[in-house]
Protein backbone atom coordinates (compact mmCIF):
# COMPACT_ATOMS: atom_id res chain seq x y z
CA MET A 1 198.27 135.97 37.91
CA GLN A 2 202.46 137.21 37.71
CA ILE A 3 202.00 135.82 34.80
CA VAL A 4 199.47 138.63 33.99
CA ARG A 5 200.54 141.30 35.56
CA GLU A 6 203.86 142.19 33.30
CA VAL A 7 201.11 140.82 29.78
CA PHE A 8 199.21 143.67 29.94
CA GLY A 9 202.05 145.20 31.96
CA GLU A 10 199.63 146.48 34.83
CA GLY A 11 199.80 146.00 39.06
CA ASN A 12 197.79 144.23 41.14
CA GLU A 13 194.91 145.25 42.05
CA PHE A 14 194.42 144.42 37.95
CA CYS A 15 194.91 140.71 38.33
CA GLN A 16 193.84 139.04 41.52
CA LYS A 17 193.16 135.34 43.25
CA ILE A 18 189.49 134.75 44.94
CA THR A 19 189.36 131.42 47.08
CA CYS A 20 188.32 130.81 50.31
CA LYS A 21 191.34 130.71 51.80
CA ALA A 22 192.44 134.09 50.50
CA LYS A 23 192.85 137.14 53.03
CA LYS A 24 189.57 139.78 52.54
CA ALA A 25 188.40 137.16 50.30
CA ASP A 26 184.82 138.81 50.50
CA GLU A 27 185.50 141.65 49.96
CA ALA A 28 188.19 140.93 46.63
CA LEU A 29 184.45 139.41 45.45
CA SER A 30 182.67 142.06 45.97
CA ASN A 31 184.85 144.52 43.99
CA PHE A 32 185.54 141.88 41.02
CA ARG A 33 181.00 142.30 41.04
CA ASN A 34 180.86 145.83 41.22
CA GLN A 35 184.43 147.99 40.19
CA PHE A 36 186.72 148.38 37.72
CA TYR A 37 189.62 147.10 39.27
CA PRO A 38 190.19 144.11 39.49
CA ARG A 39 189.56 143.39 36.09
CA ILE A 40 190.43 139.50 35.65
CA ALA A 41 189.61 137.20 38.87
CA VAL A 42 191.86 133.71 39.68
CA THR A 43 189.47 130.79 41.13
CA VAL A 44 189.69 127.91 42.49
CA GLU A 45 185.98 126.49 43.02
CA MET A 46 185.14 129.63 44.68
CA ILE A 47 183.23 132.02 41.14
CA ALA A 48 180.58 128.52 41.15
CA THR A 49 177.25 128.47 42.41
CA GLY A 50 175.64 130.31 44.97
CA THR A 51 177.86 134.15 43.15
CA ASP A 52 176.74 136.33 40.88
CA VAL A 53 178.57 138.50 38.82
CA LYS A 54 176.85 139.96 36.32
CA PRO A 55 179.60 142.69 34.48
CA LEU A 56 181.45 139.02 33.49
CA GLU A 57 182.28 138.17 30.49
CA CYS A 58 184.67 136.28 29.80
CA LEU A 59 185.40 132.43 31.72
CA ILE A 60 189.07 131.02 31.34
CA PHE A 61 188.93 127.82 32.53
CA MET A 62 192.55 126.26 33.01
CA ARG A 63 191.77 122.97 34.26
CA ASP A 64 189.00 120.58 33.64
CA VAL A 65 186.25 119.78 35.66
CA ARG A 66 184.65 115.70 35.84
CA SER A 67 180.73 117.37 37.89
CA LYS A 68 178.02 118.09 34.93
CA GLY A 69 177.17 120.27 37.48
CA HIS A 70 180.07 121.97 38.56
CA TYR A 71 180.21 122.96 34.95
CA GLU A 72 177.12 124.17 34.31
CA GLN A 73 176.93 126.34 37.46
CA MET A 74 180.68 128.54 36.60
CA LEU A 75 179.27 128.44 32.83
CA GLY A 76 175.61 130.08 34.92
CA ARG A 77 178.38 132.37 36.53
CA GLY A 78 178.08 134.58 32.52
CA THR A 79 174.85 134.05 32.06
CA ARG A 80 173.75 137.26 34.06
CA VAL A 81 173.30 140.23 32.76
CA LEU A 82 172.24 144.11 33.42
CA LYS A 83 171.78 147.10 32.02
CA LEU A 84 174.73 148.99 30.10
CA GLU A 85 174.88 151.83 32.14
CA ASP A 86 176.27 149.63 35.23
CA LEU A 87 177.95 147.31 32.91
CA LYS A 88 179.55 151.32 32.20
CA MET A 89 179.74 151.99 36.04
CA VAL A 90 181.73 149.06 36.66
CA SER A 91 183.90 148.04 33.14
CA GLY A 92 184.23 151.74 31.95
CA ASP A 93 183.11 154.15 29.64
CA ASP A 94 184.01 151.88 26.00
CA ALA A 95 181.34 148.98 27.63
CA THR A 96 179.19 148.11 24.90
CA GLU A 97 175.57 145.78 25.17
CA LYS A 98 177.03 142.39 27.30
CA ASP A 99 174.41 139.71 24.98
CA HIS A 100 177.12 137.15 25.25
CA PHE A 101 180.31 135.57 27.40
CA VAL A 102 183.28 133.84 25.82
CA VAL A 103 184.67 131.02 27.15
CA ILE A 104 188.45 130.26 26.42
CA ASP A 105 188.99 126.47 26.74
CA ALA A 106 192.42 125.86 27.34
CA VAL A 107 192.05 122.12 28.93
CA GLY A 108 189.14 120.82 26.76
CA VAL A 109 186.63 120.86 29.75
CA THR A 110 183.96 121.23 27.04
CA LYS A 111 184.72 118.21 25.56
CA SER A 112 185.75 115.69 28.41
CA LYS A 113 183.38 113.28 29.48
CA LYS A 114 181.00 114.65 32.91
CA THR A 115 179.97 112.41 35.61
CA GLU A 116 176.46 113.74 37.14
CA THR A 117 175.75 115.67 40.12
CA ARG A 118 176.15 114.46 43.57
CA PRO A 119 173.89 115.30 46.39
CA LEU A 120 175.41 116.67 49.35
CA GLU A 121 171.93 115.98 51.82
CA TYR A 122 172.59 111.44 52.41
CA LYS A 123 171.79 111.64 56.67
CA PRO A 124 168.95 113.43 57.34
CA HIS A 125 168.27 110.96 59.96
CA LEU A 126 171.29 112.14 61.61
CA SER A 127 171.69 114.73 64.19
CA LEU A 128 174.38 117.46 63.46
CA THR A 129 176.37 116.34 66.89
CA GLU A 130 176.77 112.18 65.63
CA LEU A 131 177.88 113.51 62.37
CA MET A 132 180.48 115.26 63.63
CA LYS A 133 181.38 113.03 66.18
CA ARG A 134 181.72 110.08 63.24
CA ALA A 135 184.15 112.18 61.79
CA SER A 136 186.20 112.21 65.27
CA LEU A 137 186.14 108.09 64.91
CA GLY A 138 187.82 108.47 61.76
CA THR A 139 185.48 107.53 59.17
CA LYS A 140 186.26 107.05 55.72
CA ASP A 141 181.94 106.53 55.09
CA PRO A 142 181.86 109.53 51.95
CA GLU A 143 177.49 109.99 52.76
CA ILE A 144 178.79 111.45 56.74
CA LEU A 145 181.11 113.77 55.52
CA THR A 146 178.98 114.71 52.69
CA SER A 147 176.40 114.82 55.00
CA LEU A 148 178.56 116.65 57.50
CA ALA A 149 179.91 119.73 54.78
CA ASN A 150 175.94 120.28 53.80
CA ARG A 151 174.73 120.62 57.34
CA LEU A 152 177.84 123.48 57.20
CA ILE A 153 177.28 125.11 54.37
CA ARG A 154 173.39 125.37 55.37
CA LEU A 155 174.28 126.60 57.95
CA SER A 156 177.84 129.42 56.75
CA THR A 157 174.62 131.43 55.04
CA LYS A 158 172.86 132.32 57.91
CA LEU A 159 175.67 132.79 60.62
CA LYS A 160 176.28 136.73 60.40
CA PRO A 161 179.66 137.94 60.01
CA GLU A 162 181.06 138.39 62.69
CA GLU A 163 179.90 134.79 63.78
CA LEU A 164 181.53 133.59 60.56
CA ASP A 165 185.05 135.62 62.17
CA GLU A 166 184.57 134.03 65.68
CA PHE A 167 183.49 130.62 64.05
CA GLU A 168 187.41 131.09 62.41
CA ALA A 169 188.99 131.93 65.36
CA LYS A 170 187.43 129.47 67.71
CA VAL A 171 187.62 126.78 64.51
CA GLY A 172 191.05 127.70 63.04
CA LYS A 173 188.96 127.56 59.83
CA PRO A 174 186.10 129.53 58.14
CA ILE A 175 182.89 127.80 57.46
CA SER A 176 183.17 128.01 54.45
CA THR A 177 186.75 125.71 54.06
CA VAL A 178 186.11 123.11 56.78
CA ALA A 179 182.94 122.42 54.45
CA GLU A 180 185.01 122.01 51.16
CA ASP A 181 187.51 120.36 51.92
CA LEU A 182 185.22 117.61 53.63
CA LEU A 183 183.64 118.34 50.00
CA ASN A 184 186.79 117.78 48.02
CA ALA A 185 188.09 114.75 50.01
CA PHE A 186 185.53 113.31 47.63
CA ASP A 187 186.37 115.16 44.27
CA GLU A 188 187.85 112.64 41.84
CA ASP A 189 190.24 116.38 40.41
CA VAL A 190 191.23 117.46 43.66
CA VAL A 191 191.79 113.44 44.59
CA ALA A 192 194.16 113.25 41.54
CA ALA A 193 195.61 116.44 41.68
CA ARG A 194 196.59 115.74 45.08
CA ALA A 195 198.24 111.83 43.83
CA GLY A 196 200.26 113.90 40.71
CA VAL A 197 197.90 111.46 38.61
CA THR A 198 196.24 112.59 35.52
CA LEU A 199 192.51 111.17 34.81
CA ASP A 200 192.26 109.96 31.16
CA PRO A 201 187.92 109.50 30.72
CA ASP A 202 189.05 106.84 28.32
CA ARG A 203 191.22 104.59 30.27
CA GLU A 204 190.94 102.69 33.71
CA PRO A 205 194.50 103.87 36.18
CA SER A 206 196.70 101.52 36.30
CA PRO A 207 197.50 99.46 39.58
CA GLU A 208 200.20 102.15 40.65
CA GLU A 209 197.57 104.70 39.56
CA LYS A 210 194.70 103.14 41.52
CA ALA A 211 197.06 103.36 44.99
CA LYS A 212 198.26 107.01 44.29
CA LEU A 213 194.95 107.99 44.66
CA ASP A 214 193.75 105.91 47.57
CA ALA A 215 196.11 107.03 49.43
CA ALA A 216 196.38 111.00 48.80
CA GLN A 217 192.23 110.27 49.28
CA GLU A 218 192.24 109.54 52.71
CA GLU A 219 194.98 112.18 53.03
CA LEU A 220 192.32 114.20 52.36
CA ILE A 221 190.15 112.92 54.17
CA LYS A 222 191.48 112.86 57.47
CA GLU A 223 192.94 116.56 56.73
CA ALA A 224 189.92 117.80 56.19
CA GLU A 225 188.54 115.45 59.74
CA GLN A 226 190.89 117.13 61.97
CA PRO A 227 188.29 120.71 63.20
CA PHE A 228 186.11 117.75 64.42
CA ASN A 229 188.91 115.95 66.84
CA ASP A 230 188.55 118.81 69.41
CA PRO A 231 186.12 117.86 71.11
CA ASP A 232 185.39 121.80 72.08
CA ASN A 233 185.45 122.58 67.87
CA ARG A 234 182.50 119.68 68.21
CA ASP A 235 180.53 121.73 71.04
CA TYR A 236 180.89 124.96 70.29
CA ILE A 237 180.00 124.09 66.30
CA GLU A 238 176.88 122.72 68.11
CA ASP A 239 176.34 125.22 69.68
CA VAL A 240 176.13 127.36 67.18
CA ARG A 241 174.06 125.64 65.76
CA LYS A 242 171.45 125.85 68.78
CA LYS A 243 171.29 129.26 67.64
CA HIS A 244 170.57 128.79 64.18
CA GLU A 245 168.74 126.20 63.42
CA GLN A 246 164.24 125.88 63.73
CA ILE A 247 163.19 123.49 65.93
CA ILE A 248 160.32 121.32 64.53
CA ASP A 249 158.43 119.24 66.68
CA ASN A 250 157.19 116.37 64.90
CA VAL A 251 156.34 114.11 68.05
CA ASN A 252 155.18 116.67 70.85
CA ILE A 253 151.48 117.24 67.91
CA ASP A 254 149.48 120.22 69.11
CA SER A 255 146.10 119.90 69.38
CA VAL A 256 142.35 120.58 68.01
CA THR A 257 141.12 122.26 71.71
CA TYR A 258 138.10 124.03 70.96
CA ALA A 259 136.02 123.79 66.87
CA GLY A 260 133.04 126.41 66.11
CA TRP A 261 131.33 128.90 65.71
CA ASP A 262 133.25 132.14 66.52
CA LYS A 263 130.11 133.72 68.94
CA ASP A 264 132.02 137.37 68.77
CA ARG A 265 131.17 137.15 65.16
CA GLU A 266 127.75 139.47 64.84
CA SER A 267 129.85 142.23 67.43
CA ASN A 268 133.42 141.64 65.60
CA ALA A 269 131.02 142.28 61.82
CA ASP A 270 128.94 145.37 63.28
CA GLN A 271 132.64 146.89 64.69
CA VAL A 272 133.70 146.28 61.01
CA ILE A 273 130.90 148.11 59.35
CA ARG A 274 130.57 151.40 61.71
CA SER A 275 134.83 151.39 61.41
CA PHE A 276 134.76 151.66 57.43
CA HIS A 277 131.62 154.13 57.59
CA GLY A 278 133.71 156.46 60.26
CA PHE A 279 135.98 156.62 58.24
CA ILE A 280 134.15 157.03 55.22
CA GLU A 281 132.40 160.26 56.96
CA GLU A 282 135.65 160.95 57.80
CA ASN A 283 137.42 161.32 54.16
CA LYS A 284 134.07 162.19 52.61
CA ASP A 285 135.84 165.82 51.64
CA GLU A 286 139.14 164.62 50.81
CA ILE A 287 138.69 161.18 48.84
CA LEU A 288 137.77 161.98 44.45
CA ALA A 289 135.27 158.77 44.74
CA LEU A 290 133.68 159.91 47.67
CA ARG A 291 133.64 163.66 47.93
CA ILE A 292 131.80 163.78 44.25
CA ILE A 293 129.03 161.24 45.74
CA TYR A 294 128.29 162.49 47.82
CA ASP A 295 127.29 165.50 45.99
CA GLN A 296 125.28 164.49 43.61
CA SER A 297 121.74 162.68 44.62
CA TYR A 298 121.13 158.63 44.05
CA ALA A 299 118.74 159.93 41.74
CA ASP A 300 122.19 161.93 39.34
CA SER A 301 124.89 159.88 40.16
CA GLY A 302 125.84 158.12 37.33
CA ILE A 303 128.23 155.43 40.07
CA VAL A 304 125.25 154.49 42.15
CA MET A 305 122.43 153.00 39.82
CA PRO A 306 124.52 151.11 37.44
CA LEU A 307 125.34 149.01 40.48
CA ARG A 308 122.13 149.02 41.70
CA SER A 309 121.04 147.80 38.04
CA ARG A 310 123.41 145.52 38.02
CA ILE A 311 122.51 143.67 41.99
CA LYS A 312 118.89 143.41 40.16
């Protein structure tokens, strides 16, 4: 960021860091989406899925992305379109119609081999409480921890801003960061960066590199599981879930107590007819179509007679 500010000769507001761990990240992202400043956002992961920045016209990749789905999500940030008037509100009066976007590839991300994105939910039959308990016991099962991350991501979308702040105060991290840490423990790029190993798609890691990668992943897993070691944290998260989760009862199935015709169907139909007749009478002088009909005889009406002939 410092280099960008020096090159462009601009201040701190020109280029800002926007990550889940940054202070006032949501406010900074909102400004990037709707205001003239910042003009450049430096981010890791955050501007991917679920983030809509329509005025975005240039994407610069500074590190490789090995997940095909994640890479496509990042590219998708540049495909959003908007009206010229809206673009000028953000980018200034000199802005022209957005009919394309630019990708600057500084690391070969457009040519590197990509892997298919893995699903996040592997253990739908396990409760959130059970997933957190297994994390507290130090499991290294990627399916358990990935499923736990998925539950937290789903829960975070239901929380109000004040609840998000309360979660961070109680657990020590934002809920988005807790989920992100769980996923990062199994992200090849993050593990390689922690290990200081450069992954080469054309060769397998050496035994020494493999040992470093394994050690780095173990560290990341341990760090990701740390919030769940506190039973108070687990109880708090479960309480939050109960407030927002919809319970679907598959055990106590509803049963039909009665099936048959409505005994009041005729009286109900008569009531509807009377109500509609009263509406017409009350509004015959207010609604133009009704006034036309009431002011003409049936014989002279050009509306009723064609309908009558069609019915016959």
